[in-house]
Amino acid sequence: MCRSIKLLRRPEPALEPGETAAAALQFVRKVSGYRAPSKANQAAFNAAVDEITVATEKLLAHLATKS
């Protein structure tokens, strides 16, 4: 696990705007090996970040918590 990716599932405080996207960006950087992709790869890189952001938000919205 990449140490710079924060735990996003937490009861409090609520997620700050952009935290999910920042985690997705770190994940895509780690997997792709690019800190900043070339112009030829920029669209694919950005699409991956967007898709992972949406998937992460869905996951967090559907996780059951112990009550």
N, C-alpha and C. Protein backbone atom coordinates (compact mmCIF):
# COMPACT_ATOMS: atom_id res chain seq x y z
N MET A 1 0.85 -1.19 0.00
CA MET A 1 0.00 0.00 0.00
C MET A 1 0.89 1.23 0.00
N CYS A 2 0.49 2.19 -0.77
CA CYS A 2 1.23 3.44 -0.84
C CYS A 2 1.01 4.21 0.47
N ARG A 3 2.06 4.59 1.11
CA ARG A 3 1.95 5.24 2.42
C ARG A 3 1.29 6.61 2.34
N SER A 4 1.35 7.27 1.17
CA SER A 4 0.80 8.62 1.07
C SER A 4 -0.70 8.64 0.84
N ILE A 5 -1.31 7.46 0.61
CA ILE A 5 -2.76 7.41 0.44
C ILE A 5 -3.40 7.32 1.82
N LYS A 6 -4.28 8.27 2.11
CA LYS A 6 -4.93 8.34 3.41
C LYS A 6 -6.11 7.38 3.49
N LEU A 7 -6.44 6.99 4.69
CA LEU A 7 -7.65 6.23 4.95
C LEU A 7 -8.82 7.19 4.79
N LEU A 8 -9.74 6.88 3.88
CA LEU A 8 -10.86 7.78 3.62
C LEU A 8 -12.13 7.35 4.35
N ARG A 9 -12.20 6.08 4.75
CA ARG A 9 -13.39 5.61 5.48
C ARG A 9 -13.17 5.89 6.95
N ARG A 10 -13.86 6.90 7.42
CA ARG A 10 -13.74 7.27 8.83
C ARG A 10 -15.04 7.94 9.26
N PRO A 11 -15.40 7.78 10.52
CA PRO A 11 -16.66 8.37 10.97
C PRO A 11 -16.60 9.90 11.04
N GLU A 12 -15.53 10.42 11.51
CA GLU A 12 -15.37 11.87 11.64
C GLU A 12 -13.90 12.19 11.51
N PRO A 13 -13.49 13.26 11.01
CA PRO A 13 -14.30 14.27 10.34
C PRO A 13 -14.71 13.80 8.96
N ALA A 14 -15.72 14.45 8.43
CA ALA A 14 -16.20 14.10 7.09
C ALA A 14 -15.10 14.41 6.06
N LEU A 15 -15.21 13.77 4.91
CA LEU A 15 -14.22 14.00 3.86
C LEU A 15 -14.24 15.46 3.42
N GLU A 16 -13.05 15.99 3.22
CA GLU A 16 -12.91 17.32 2.66
C GLU A 16 -13.12 17.22 1.15
N PRO A 17 -13.61 18.29 0.51
CA PRO A 17 -13.74 18.26 -0.94
C PRO A 17 -12.38 17.98 -1.59
N GLY A 18 -12.36 17.07 -2.51
CA GLY A 18 -11.13 16.76 -3.22
C GLY A 18 -10.29 15.64 -2.63
N GLU A 19 -10.61 15.16 -1.44
CA GLU A 19 -9.81 14.10 -0.83
C GLU A 19 -9.86 12.80 -1.63
N THR A 20 -11.04 12.47 -2.14
CA THR A 20 -11.18 11.24 -2.91
C THR A 20 -10.39 11.35 -4.21
N ALA A 21 -10.48 12.49 -4.87
CA ALA A 21 -9.74 12.70 -6.12
C ALA A 21 -8.24 12.69 -5.87
N ALA A 22 -7.80 13.24 -4.76
CA ALA A 22 -6.37 13.25 -4.44
C ALA A 22 -5.85 11.82 -4.22
N ALA A 23 -6.65 11.00 -3.55
CA ALA A 23 -6.26 9.61 -3.34
C ALA A 23 -6.24 8.85 -4.67
N ALA A 24 -7.20 9.13 -5.54
CA ALA A 24 -7.24 8.49 -6.86
C ALA A 24 -6.02 8.90 -7.68
N LEU A 25 -5.65 10.16 -7.61
CA LEU A 25 -4.47 10.65 -8.33
C LEU A 25 -3.21 9.94 -7.84
N GLN A 26 -3.06 9.80 -6.53
CA GLN A 26 -1.89 9.10 -5.99
C GLN A 26 -1.86 7.64 -6.45
N PHE A 27 -3.02 7.00 -6.49
CA PHE A 27 -3.11 5.62 -6.93
C PHE A 27 -2.70 5.49 -8.40
N VAL A 28 -3.22 6.36 -9.25
CA VAL A 28 -2.89 6.31 -10.68
C VAL A 28 -1.41 6.60 -10.89
N ARG A 29 -0.86 7.55 -10.15
CA ARG A 29 0.58 7.82 -10.25
C ARG A 29 1.40 6.59 -9.89
N LYS A 30 1.00 5.91 -8.83
CA LYS A 30 1.73 4.73 -8.36
C LYS A 30 1.65 3.60 -9.39
N VAL A 31 0.45 3.34 -9.89
CA VAL A 31 0.24 2.24 -10.83
C VAL A 31 0.90 2.53 -12.17
N SER A 32 0.78 3.76 -12.66
CA SER A 32 1.31 4.10 -13.99
C SER A 32 2.81 4.35 -13.99
N GLY A 33 3.33 4.76 -12.85
CA GLY A 33 4.75 5.11 -12.79
C GLY A 33 5.03 6.53 -13.25
N TYR A 34 3.96 7.30 -13.53
CA TYR A 34 4.11 8.69 -13.97
C TYR A 34 3.71 9.64 -12.86
N ARG A 35 4.57 10.59 -12.59
CA ARG A 35 4.15 11.69 -11.71
C ARG A 35 3.34 12.67 -12.55
N ALA A 36 3.83 12.96 -13.74
CA ALA A 36 3.13 13.81 -14.70
C ALA A 36 3.26 13.12 -16.05
N PRO A 37 2.15 12.64 -16.61
CA PRO A 37 2.22 11.91 -17.87
C PRO A 37 2.52 12.85 -19.05
N SER A 38 2.99 12.27 -20.13
CA SER A 38 3.23 13.05 -21.35
C SER A 38 1.88 13.49 -21.92
N LYS A 39 1.94 14.42 -22.88
CA LYS A 39 0.71 14.87 -23.52
C LYS A 39 -0.03 13.72 -24.18
N ALA A 40 0.70 12.75 -24.71
CA ALA A 40 0.09 11.60 -25.37
C ALA A 40 -0.68 10.73 -24.38
N ASN A 41 -0.29 10.72 -23.11
CA ASN A 41 -0.93 9.88 -22.10
C ASN A 41 -1.84 10.66 -21.15
N GLN A 42 -1.90 11.97 -21.31
CA GLN A 42 -2.65 12.81 -20.36
C GLN A 42 -4.14 12.45 -20.31
N ALA A 43 -4.77 12.23 -21.45
CA ALA A 43 -6.21 11.93 -21.47
C ALA A 43 -6.50 10.62 -20.75
N ALA A 44 -5.71 9.59 -21.02
CA ALA A 44 -5.90 8.29 -20.36
C ALA A 44 -5.67 8.41 -18.86
N PHE A 45 -4.65 9.15 -18.47
CA PHE A 45 -4.31 9.37 -17.07
C PHE A 45 -5.47 10.05 -16.35
N ASN A 46 -5.97 11.15 -16.94
CA ASN A 46 -7.07 11.89 -16.32
C ASN A 46 -8.35 11.06 -16.25
N ALA A 47 -8.62 10.28 -17.30
CA ALA A 47 -9.80 9.42 -17.31
C ALA A 47 -9.72 8.39 -16.18
N ALA A 48 -8.54 7.83 -15.98
CA ALA A 48 -8.35 6.84 -14.91
C ALA A 48 -8.59 7.48 -13.54
N VAL A 49 -8.07 8.68 -13.34
CA VAL A 49 -8.28 9.37 -12.06
C VAL A 49 -9.77 9.60 -11.84
N ASP A 50 -10.47 10.06 -12.88
CA ASP A 50 -11.91 10.32 -12.75
C ASP A 50 -12.69 9.04 -12.43
N GLU A 51 -12.38 7.96 -13.14
CA GLU A 51 -13.08 6.69 -12.92
C GLU A 51 -12.82 6.13 -11.52
N ILE A 52 -11.60 6.23 -11.06
CA ILE A 52 -11.27 5.73 -9.72
C ILE A 52 -11.91 6.60 -8.65
N THR A 53 -11.99 7.89 -8.89
CA THR A 53 -12.66 8.79 -7.94
C THR A 53 -14.12 8.39 -7.79
N VAL A 54 -14.81 8.18 -8.90
CA VAL A 54 -16.23 7.79 -8.87
C VAL A 54 -16.40 6.44 -8.17
N ALA A 55 -15.56 5.47 -8.52
CA ALA A 55 -15.65 4.14 -7.92
C ALA A 55 -15.40 4.21 -6.41
N THR A 56 -14.45 5.02 -5.98
CA THR A 56 -14.15 5.16 -4.56
C THR A 56 -15.31 5.80 -3.82
N GLU A 57 -15.90 6.83 -4.41
CA GLU A 57 -17.04 7.48 -3.77
C GLU A 57 -18.23 6.53 -3.65
N LYS A 58 -18.46 5.70 -4.68
CA LYS A 58 -19.53 4.69 -4.61
C LYS A 58 -19.24 3.70 -3.49
N LEU A 59 -18.01 3.22 -3.44
CA LEU A 59 -17.64 2.25 -2.41
C LEU A 59 -17.88 2.83 -1.03
N LEU A 60 -17.40 4.03 -0.77
CA LEU A 60 -17.55 4.64 0.55
C LEU A 60 -19.02 4.88 0.90
N ALA A 61 -19.82 5.20 -0.10
CA ALA A 61 -21.25 5.45 0.13
C ALA A 61 -22.00 4.17 0.48
N HIS A 62 -21.51 3.03 0.02
CA HIS A 62 -22.23 1.77 0.21
C HIS A 62 -21.66 0.89 1.32
N LEU A 63 -20.57 1.27 1.94
CA LEU A 63 -20.02 0.46 3.01
C LEU A 63 -20.90 0.55 4.25
N ALA A 64 -21.14 -0.58 4.85
CA ALA A 64 -21.91 -0.61 6.10
C ALA A 64 -20.96 -0.34 7.25
N THR A 65 -21.45 0.38 8.24
CA THR A 65 -20.65 0.64 9.42
C THR A 65 -21.28 -0.05 10.62
N LYS A 66 -20.47 -0.36 11.58
CA LYS A 66 -20.99 -0.96 12.82
C LYS A 66 -21.69 0.12 13.62
N SER A 67 -22.88 -0.18 14.07
CA SER A 67 -23.63 0.80 14.87
C SER A 67 -24.00 0.21 16.20
